[in-house]
Every structure is written in structure tokens, then in C-alpha cells.
Amino acid sequence: MSEYRFDDGVAHLSMDDGKVNAIGTATLSSLNEQLDQAEKDGATAVVLSGREGVFCAGFNLAEIRDPDGAMALRRQFIDLVLRIFESDKPVVIACTGHALGAGAGLLVVADRRVGLDGAFKLGFNEASVGVTISQATVELARYRMPMPWFESIISGSTFAPQQAVAAGLLDEVVQDHDALLSESFRIARELGTIAPPVFASMKHVARGGVAEHVRLERSRL
């Protein structure tokens, strides 16, 4: 599901299911375990990447369309994105390709997002495939996405990488995979030089109110 590496103070979590990196409960458990390992290793920052061509194409449809499994999956996903959103360690996403639905949900909670240029689609496409997005995820998206791009959630519209910068899903776009990883690790190391207590305190000041709102919405699922 995902591979963990630790190098020069940075933990690298790389998702690769050999397909489209659909997120299910097993993937979420794996990512949480690897974030725990990053804590144990004393990582100063985390880089999360996907496989070449696909960062994450959304939820595992078999799980999200099952009435019983869907709620559990949504809760587990919200817990993970809140963990990243509030993490006292910088989290940088190397967006290796398509990032749809839950993939876009990961983008909006990371501290920095570097995208790979190409014929990729990024955004909350749930409406276009007949799936409803949770209110908790909408609130996290609202934190990052300005109008009028925020309302793409209603139509399920998606963006090319360059458009995704204006839409608030990416911070910058690079031209090839090597540059993507190099830039992501550079940013992670730079952010990792900020004193952890200061970084954590400022993140709480900036994001605490949103996080409380998201927890309230999560409790209603």
C-alpha cells in the first residue's frame, strides 16, 4: 500500500498500490502507522508522494458505496487528514499525477503541495461520479480554495496542474518526476528548520478554529 523511508531527518511515505492509489481502510491504517514511525524516528518533516502518474484517485469505490463501510471509511479518512492538518511536523505532498476526491482532500491539508505538470486532473470530482462529499472535507477545502474555484466541489469539476495552483490545490508545479521529489524534499528540509514548538503553536493559531469545526462535523457522521 505504502512504503516508508527515512533519510536525513525527513520521513518519506510513498503510496503505490500498483493501480490508482485508491484509498481504503487498509491504506489509511498503513499511513497512520508510518506517521507513528516518523514520530519515533524523530523526523523533522514528512514527504508524502504517490506513484508516477497518480498521486491518489480517490476512495476505494467498493468501500465507499457500501453503506456500512462508507461511514467507517469517511471517519478514518477525516481522522487522518486532521492529523496532517494539525501536525507539529511539516507535511509536504509531492503530487505525482492525478489527485481526485480523497486525493484532493490530502492536498488541502498539507503544508506545501508540489505538483507534476502533465495531462493530470486534480480536484473534488465526487459529484461527477455520483458520490457525496462529507461536510468535514468541504470545510477543509474551504480553508484552501478561494472562490470561484471552491464551488467546483458542487459540479465535480477538476483542474489541470497549472490551474490547480490558482484553485488552491497546489503551491507550485515542476516539469519532471526527479524535480518533483527534489523540490519536495528541499521544502520539507527548509520547513523542518523551524523550531517545532513555534511551528506547532503557529499552526494551532492559524488552523485551530477550522479543526474544531471539522471535528464537530465528523462527530455527526
C-alpha atoms as a PDB file:
ATOM      1  CA  MET A   1       0.000   0.000   0.000  1.00  0.00           C
ATOM      2  CA  SER A   2       2.691   2.480   1.005  1.00  0.00           C
ATOM      3  CA  GLU A   3       6.425   2.382   1.610  1.00  0.00           C
ATOM      4  CA  TYR A   4       8.318   4.161   4.376  1.00  0.00           C
ATOM      5  CA  ARG A   5      11.830   5.552   4.135  1.00  0.00           C
ATOM      6  CA  PHE A   6      13.758   7.806   6.499  1.00  0.00           C
ATOM      7  CA  ASP A   7      16.634   9.908   5.236  1.00  0.00           C
ATOM      8  CA  ASP A   8      18.459  12.926   6.635  1.00  0.00           C
ATOM      9  CA  GLY A   9      15.696  13.725   9.098  1.00  0.00           C
ATOM     10  CA  VAL A  10      12.833  13.501   6.586  1.00  0.00           C
ATOM     11  CA  ALA A  11      10.297  10.662   6.555  1.00  0.00           C
ATOM     12  CA  HIS A  12       9.111   9.705   3.067  1.00  0.00           C
ATOM     13  CA  LEU A  13       5.740   7.960   2.746  1.00  0.00           C
ATOM     14  CA  SER A  14       5.210   6.686  -0.786  1.00  0.00           C
ATOM     15  CA  MET A  15       1.790   5.313  -1.794  1.00  0.00           C
ATOM     16  CA  ASP A  16       1.811   2.686  -4.541  1.00  0.00           C
ATOM     17  CA  ASP A  17      -0.859   0.003  -4.890  1.00  0.00           C
ATOM     18  CA  GLY A  18       0.180  -0.712  -8.487  1.00  0.00           C
ATOM     19  CA  LYS A  19      -3.071   0.818  -9.734  1.00  0.00           C
ATOM     20  CA  VAL A  20      -4.595   4.228  -8.966  1.00  0.00           C
ATOM     21  CA  ASN A  21      -3.814   4.507  -5.233  1.00  0.00           C
ATOM     22  CA  ALA A  22      -7.464   4.282  -4.217  1.00  0.00           C
ATOM     23  CA  ILE A  23      -7.810   4.946  -0.505  1.00  0.00           C
ATOM     24  CA  GLY A  24      -9.415   2.283   1.637  1.00  0.00           C
ATOM     25  CA  THR A  25      -9.234   1.450   5.327  1.00  0.00           C
ATOM     26  CA  ALA A  26      -6.050  -0.611   4.838  1.00  0.00           C
ATOM     27  CA  THR A  27      -4.250   2.315   3.182  1.00  0.00           C
ATOM     28  CA  LEU A  28      -5.322   4.714   5.925  1.00  0.00           C
ATOM     29  CA  SER A  29      -4.126   2.320   8.629  1.00  0.00           C
ATOM     30  CA  SER A  30      -0.787   1.975   6.849  1.00  0.00           C
ATOM     31  CA  LEU A  31      -0.322   5.739   6.558  1.00  0.00           C
ATOM     32  CA  ASN A  32      -1.132   6.228  10.247  1.00  0.00           C
ATOM     33  CA  GLU A  33       1.386   3.547  11.218  1.00  0.00           C
ATOM     34  CA  GLN A  34       4.040   5.244   9.111  1.00  0.00           C
ATOM     35  CA  LEU A  35       3.294   8.638  10.637  1.00  0.00           C
ATOM     36  CA  ASP A  36       3.738   6.958  14.026  1.00  0.00           C
ATOM     37  CA  GLN A  37       7.105   5.634  12.818  1.00  0.00           C
ATOM     38  CA  ALA A  38       8.120   9.114  11.698  1.00  0.00           C
ATOM     39  CA  GLU A  39       7.438  10.306  15.244  1.00  0.00           C
ATOM     40  CA  LYS A  40       9.575   7.513  16.690  1.00  0.00           C
ATOM     41  CA  ASP A  41      12.400   8.281  14.251  1.00  0.00           C
ATOM     42  CA  GLY A  42      12.388  11.940  15.252  1.00  0.00           C
ATOM     43  CA  ALA A  43      11.612  13.169  11.737  1.00  0.00           C
ATOM     44  CA  THR A  44      11.743  16.927  11.312  1.00  0.00           C
ATOM     45  CA  ALA A  45       9.344  16.772   8.332  1.00  0.00           C
ATOM     46  CA  VAL A  46       7.306  14.362   6.211  1.00  0.00           C
ATOM     47  CA  VAL A  47       7.019  13.996   2.435  1.00  0.00           C
ATOM     48  CA  LEU A  48       4.006  12.118   1.072  1.00  0.00           C
ATOM     49  CA  SER A  49       4.091  11.016  -2.567  1.00  0.00           C
ATOM     50  CA  GLY A  50       2.242   8.689  -4.942  1.00  0.00           C
ATOM     51  CA  ARG A  51       3.281   6.523  -7.864  1.00  0.00           C
ATOM     52  CA  GLU A  52       4.321   8.054 -11.174  1.00  0.00           C
ATOM     53  CA  GLY A  53       1.210   9.361 -12.938  1.00  0.00           C
ATOM     54  CA  VAL A  54      -1.115   9.001  -9.955  1.00  0.00           C
ATOM     55  CA  PHE A  55      -0.997  10.585  -6.526  1.00  0.00           C
ATOM     56  CA  CYS A  56      -4.410   9.315  -5.421  1.00  0.00           C
ATOM     57  CA  ALA A  57      -7.562   8.761  -7.492  1.00  0.00           C
ATOM     58  CA  GLY A  58      -9.930   8.906  -4.518  1.00  0.00           C
ATOM     59  CA  PHE A  59     -11.657   6.423  -2.260  1.00  0.00           C
ATOM     60  CA  ASN A  60     -11.907   2.719  -2.911  1.00  0.00           C
ATOM     61  CA  LEU A  61     -15.341   2.691  -4.550  1.00  0.00           C
ATOM     62  CA  ALA A  62     -16.165  -0.783  -3.258  1.00  0.00           C
ATOM     63  CA  GLU A  63     -15.857   0.531   0.297  1.00  0.00           C
ATOM     64  CA  ILE A  64     -17.418   3.969  -0.205  1.00  0.00           C
ATOM     65  CA  ARG A  65     -20.510   2.513  -1.914  1.00  0.00           C
ATOM     66  CA  ASP A  66     -21.111   0.020   0.887  1.00  0.00           C
ATOM     67  CA  PRO A  67     -23.475   1.725   3.396  1.00  0.00           C
ATOM     68  CA  ASP A  68     -21.812   0.184   6.429  1.00  0.00           C
ATOM     69  CA  GLY A  69     -18.234   0.581   5.257  1.00  0.00           C
ATOM     70  CA  ALA A  70     -18.665   4.099   3.900  1.00  0.00           C
ATOM     71  CA  MET A  71     -19.157   5.804   7.264  1.00  0.00           C
ATOM     72  CA  ALA A  72     -16.209   3.990   8.826  1.00  0.00           C
ATOM     73  CA  LEU A  73     -14.021   4.925   5.870  1.00  0.00           C
ATOM     74  CA  ARG A  74     -15.086   8.568   5.967  1.00  0.00           C
ATOM     75  CA  ARG A  75     -14.393   8.813   9.712  1.00  0.00           C
ATOM     76  CA  GLN A  76     -10.997   7.159   9.353  1.00  0.00           C
ATOM     77  CA  PHE A  77     -10.091   9.486   6.478  1.00  0.00           C
ATOM     78  CA  ILE A  78     -11.138  12.614   8.373  1.00  0.00           C
ATOM     79  CA  ASP A  79      -9.060  11.487  11.354  1.00  0.00           C
ATOM     80  CA  LEU A  80      -6.011  11.125   9.097  1.00  0.00           C
ATOM     81  CA  VAL A  81      -6.408  14.470   7.310  1.00  0.00           C
ATOM     82  CA  LEU A  82      -6.963  16.224  10.634  1.00  0.00           C
ATOM     83  CA  ARG A  83      -3.776  14.607  11.900  1.00  0.00           C
ATOM     84  CA  ILE A  84      -1.886  16.031   8.924  1.00  0.00           C
ATOM     85  CA  PHE A  85      -3.669  19.404   9.118  1.00  0.00           C
ATOM     86  CA  GLU A  86      -2.617  19.838  12.768  1.00  0.00           C
ATOM     87  CA  SER A  87       0.720  18.006  12.674  1.00  0.00           C
ATOM     88  CA  ASP A  88       3.562  19.696  14.542  1.00  0.00           C
ATOM     89  CA  LYS A  89       5.850  18.415  11.783  1.00  0.00           C
ATOM     90  CA  PRO A  90       5.688  19.974   8.303  1.00  0.00           C
ATOM     91  CA  VAL A  91       3.975  17.718   5.754  1.00  0.00           C
ATOM     92  CA  VAL A  92       4.832  18.245   2.078  1.00  0.00           C
ATOM     93  CA  ILE A  93       2.972  16.453  -0.712  1.00  0.00           C
ATOM     94  CA  ALA A  94       4.753  15.503  -3.923  1.00  0.00           C
ATOM     95  CA  CYS A  95       1.705  15.220  -6.187  1.00  0.00           C
ATOM     96  CA  THR A  96       2.892  12.699  -8.772  1.00  0.00           C
ATOM     97  CA  GLY A  97      -0.156  12.877 -11.054  1.00  0.00           C
ATOM     98  CA  HIS A  98      -3.933  12.642 -10.739  1.00  0.00           C
ATOM     99  CA  ALA A  99      -5.353  13.725  -7.366  1.00  0.00           C
ATOM    100  CA  LEU A 100      -9.101  13.238  -7.207  1.00  0.00           C
ATOM    101  CA  GLY A 101     -11.644  13.120  -4.391  1.00  0.00           C
ATOM    102  CA  ALA A 102      -9.790  11.898  -1.307  1.00  0.00           C
ATOM    103  CA  GLY A 103      -6.534  12.686  -3.120  1.00  0.00           C
ATOM    104  CA  ALA A 104      -7.584  16.339  -3.303  1.00  0.00           C
ATOM    105  CA  GLY A 105      -8.585  16.048   0.348  1.00  0.00           C
ATOM    106  CA  LEU A 106      -4.983  15.207   1.204  1.00  0.00           C
ATOM    107  CA  LEU A 107      -3.733  18.158  -0.857  1.00  0.00           C
ATOM    108  CA  VAL A 108      -5.778  20.739   1.032  1.00  0.00           C
ATOM    109  CA  VAL A 109      -4.402  19.733   4.448  1.00  0.00           C
ATOM    110  CA  ALA A 110      -0.672  19.538   3.652  1.00  0.00           C
ATOM    111  CA  ASP A 111       1.642  22.440   4.469  1.00  0.00           C
ATOM    112  CA  ARG A 112       3.101  22.598   0.956  1.00  0.00           C
ATOM    113  CA  ARG A 113       1.997  20.908  -2.285  1.00  0.00           C
ATOM    114  CA  VAL A 114       4.315  20.467  -5.273  1.00  0.00           C
ATOM    115  CA  GLY A 115       2.668  19.149  -8.436  1.00  0.00           C
ATOM    116  CA  LEU A 116       3.934  17.406 -11.545  1.00  0.00           C
ATOM    117  CA  ASP A 117       2.995  19.058 -14.830  1.00  0.00           C
ATOM    118  CA  GLY A 118       1.152  16.981 -17.413  1.00  0.00           C
ATOM    119  CA  ALA A 119      -2.288  15.829 -18.545  1.00  0.00           C
ATOM    120  CA  PHE A 120      -3.450  15.241 -14.979  1.00  0.00           C
ATOM    121  CA  LYS A 121      -6.717  16.023 -13.222  1.00  0.00           C
ATOM    122  CA  LEU A 122      -6.897  17.407  -9.699  1.00  0.00           C
ATOM    123  CA  GLY A 123      -9.968  18.250  -7.650  1.00  0.00           C
ATOM    124  CA  PHE A 124     -13.038  17.070  -5.807  1.00  0.00           C
ATOM    125  CA  ASN A 125     -14.781  15.094  -8.556  1.00  0.00           C
ATOM    126  CA  GLU A 126     -17.287  13.295  -6.317  1.00  0.00           C
ATOM    127  CA  ALA A 127     -20.389  14.876  -7.880  1.00  0.00           C
ATOM    128  CA  SER A 128     -19.361  13.687 -11.342  1.00  0.00           C
ATOM    129  CA  VAL A 129     -19.179  10.050 -10.183  1.00  0.00           C
ATOM    130  CA  GLY A 130     -22.315  10.107  -8.036  1.00  0.00           C
ATOM    131  CA  VAL A 131     -20.697  10.264  -4.604  1.00  0.00           C
ATOM    132  CA  THR A 132     -21.442  12.894  -1.941  1.00  0.00           C
ATOM    133  CA  ILE A 133     -18.576  14.665  -0.192  1.00  0.00           C
ATOM    134  CA  SER A 134     -18.661  14.973   3.609  1.00  0.00           C
ATOM    135  CA  GLN A 135     -19.209  18.368   5.239  1.00  0.00           C
ATOM    136  CA  ALA A 136     -15.967  17.908   7.168  1.00  0.00           C
ATOM    137  CA  THR A 137     -13.983  17.619   3.931  1.00  0.00           C
ATOM    138  CA  VAL A 138     -15.813  20.631   2.498  1.00  0.00           C
ATOM    139  CA  GLU A 139     -14.678  22.729   5.473  1.00  0.00           C
ATOM    140  CA  LEU A 140     -11.059  21.672   4.965  1.00  0.00           C
ATOM    141  CA  ALA A 141     -11.334  22.515   1.264  1.00  0.00           C
ATOM    142  CA  ARG A 142     -12.830  25.915   2.141  1.00  0.00           C
ATOM    143  CA  TYR A 143      -9.665  26.675   4.159  1.00  0.00           C
ATOM    144  CA  ARG A 144      -7.549  26.338   0.996  1.00  0.00           C
ATOM    145  CA  MET A 145      -9.710  27.031  -2.064  1.00  0.00           C
ATOM    146  CA  PRO A 146     -10.741  30.601  -2.932  1.00  0.00           C
ATOM    147  CA  MET A 147     -13.886  31.486  -4.831  1.00  0.00           C
ATOM    148  CA  PRO A 148     -14.897  30.800  -7.549  1.00  0.00           C
ATOM    149  CA  TRP A 149     -12.757  27.645  -7.639  1.00  0.00           C
ATOM    150  CA  PHE A 150     -14.169  26.438  -4.327  1.00  0.00           C
ATOM    151  CA  GLU A 151     -17.566  25.890  -5.966  1.00  0.00           C
ATOM    152  CA  SER A 152     -16.022  23.302  -8.289  1.00  0.00           C
ATOM    153  CA  ILE A 153     -16.964  20.939  -5.449  1.00  0.00           C
ATOM    154  CA  ILE A 154     -20.631  21.342  -6.430  1.00  0.00           C
ATOM    155  CA  SER A 155     -20.123  20.355 -10.073  1.00  0.00           C
ATOM    156  CA  GLY A 156     -17.270  17.899  -9.580  1.00  0.00           C
ATOM    157  CA  SER A 157     -15.064  19.913 -11.928  1.00  0.00           C
ATOM    158  CA  THR A 158     -11.331  19.242 -11.944  1.00  0.00           C
ATOM    159  CA  PHE A 159      -8.211  21.223 -12.824  1.00  0.00           C
ATOM    160  CA  ALA A 160      -5.004  20.740 -14.751  1.00  0.00           C
ATOM    161  CA  PRO A 161      -1.868  21.166 -12.577  1.00  0.00           C
ATOM    162  CA  GLN A 162      -1.247  24.804 -13.542  1.00  0.00           C
ATOM    163  CA  GLN A 163      -4.904  25.682 -12.910  1.00  0.00           C
ATOM    164  CA  ALA A 164      -4.724  23.842  -9.585  1.00  0.00           C
ATOM    165  CA  VAL A 165      -2.266  26.443  -8.292  1.00  0.00           C
ATOM    166  CA  ALA A 166      -4.853  29.214  -8.706  1.00  0.00           C
ATOM    167  CA  ALA A 167      -7.529  26.906  -7.291  1.00  0.00           C
ATOM    168  CA  GLY A 168      -5.560  26.439  -4.065  1.00  0.00           C
ATOM    169  CA  LEU A 169      -4.774  22.744  -4.513  1.00  0.00           C
ATOM    170  CA  LEU A 170      -1.071  23.169  -5.351  1.00  0.00           C
ATOM    171  CA  ASP A 171       1.612  25.706  -4.479  1.00  0.00           C
ATOM    172  CA  GLU A 172       3.864  25.118  -7.464  1.00  0.00           C
ATOM    173  CA  VAL A 173       4.299  22.874 -10.498  1.00  0.00           C
ATOM    174  CA  VAL A 174       7.520  21.302 -11.807  1.00  0.00           C
ATOM    175  CA  GLN A 175       8.242  19.608 -15.110  1.00  0.00           C
ATOM    176  CA  ASP A 176       9.517  16.116 -14.260  1.00  0.00           C
ATOM    177  CA  HIS A 177       9.446  13.442 -11.566  1.00  0.00           C
ATOM    178  CA  ASP A 178      13.032  13.948 -10.393  1.00  0.00           C
ATOM    179  CA  ALA A 179      12.462  17.682  -9.972  1.00  0.00           C
ATOM    180  CA  LEU A 180       9.220  16.955  -8.118  1.00  0.00           C
ATOM    181  CA  LEU A 181      10.915  14.847  -5.453  1.00  0.00           C
ATOM    182  CA  SER A 182      13.955  17.120  -5.246  1.00  0.00           C
ATOM    183  CA  GLU A 183      11.828  20.235  -4.705  1.00  0.00           C
ATOM    184  CA  SER A 184       9.518  18.489  -2.231  1.00  0.00           C
ATOM    185  CA  PHE A 185      12.439  17.326  -0.099  1.00  0.00           C
ATOM    186  CA  ARG A 186      14.078  20.755  -0.295  1.00  0.00           C
ATOM    187  CA  ILE A 187      10.911  22.396   1.020  1.00  0.00           C
ATOM    188  CA  ALA A 188      10.495  19.727   3.715  1.00  0.00           C
ATOM    189  CA  ARG A 189      14.033  20.275   4.994  1.00  0.00           C
ATOM    190  CA  GLU A 190      13.576  24.045   4.931  1.00  0.00           C
ATOM    191  CA  LEU A 191      10.320  23.897   6.888  1.00  0.00           C
ATOM    192  CA  GLY A 192      11.915  21.372   9.233  1.00  0.00           C
ATOM    193  CA  THR A 193      14.356  24.035  10.438  1.00  0.00           C
ATOM    194  CA  ILE A 194      11.523  25.938  12.142  1.00  0.00           C
ATOM    195  CA  ALA A 195      11.542  25.240  15.882  1.00  0.00           C
ATOM    196  CA  PRO A 196       8.871  22.532  16.422  1.00  0.00           C
ATOM    197  CA  PRO A 197       7.141  24.323  19.344  1.00  0.00           C
ATOM    198  CA  VAL A 198       6.885  27.506  17.285  1.00  0.00           C
ATOM    199  CA  PHE A 199       5.652  25.663  14.195  1.00  0.00           C
ATOM    200  CA  ALA A 200       3.043  23.771  16.242  1.00  0.00           C
ATOM    201  CA  SER A 201       1.897  26.922  18.041  1.00  0.00           C
ATOM    202  CA  MET A 202       1.509  28.939  14.847  1.00  0.00           C
ATOM    203  CA  LYS A 203      -0.326  26.108  13.140  1.00  0.00           C
ATOM    204  CA  HIS A 204      -2.755  25.928  16.066  1.00  0.00           C
ATOM    205  CA  VAL A 205      -3.338  29.681  15.889  1.00  0.00           C
ATOM    206  CA  ALA A 206      -3.946  29.552  12.135  1.00  0.00           C
ATOM    207  CA  ARG A 207      -5.910  26.304  11.905  1.00  0.00           C
ATOM    208  CA  GLY A 208      -7.370  25.568  15.339  1.00  0.00           C
ATOM    209  CA  GLY A 209     -10.788  27.053  14.629  1.00  0.00           C
ATOM    210  CA  VAL A 210     -11.152  25.139  11.368  1.00  0.00           C
ATOM    211  CA  ALA A 211     -10.035  21.908  13.044  1.00  0.00           C
ATOM    212  CA  GLU A 212     -12.673  22.315  15.784  1.00  0.00           C
ATOM    213  CA  HIS A 213     -15.366  22.833  13.154  1.00  0.00           C
ATOM    214  CA  VAL A 214     -14.207  19.747  11.258  1.00  0.00           C
ATOM    215  CA  ARG A 215     -14.288  17.652  14.454  1.00  0.00           C
ATOM    216  CA  LEU A 216     -17.861  18.756  15.053  1.00  0.00           C
ATOM    217  CA  GLU A 217     -18.856  17.727  11.546  1.00  0.00           C
ATOM    218  CA  ARG A 218     -17.005  14.429  11.941  1.00  0.00           C
ATOM    219  CA  SER A 219     -18.973  13.680  15.120  1.00  0.00           C
ATOM    220  CA  ARG A 220     -22.206  13.933  13.080  1.00  0.00           C
ATOM    221  CA  LEU A 221     -21.230  11.186  10.648  1.00  0.00           C
END
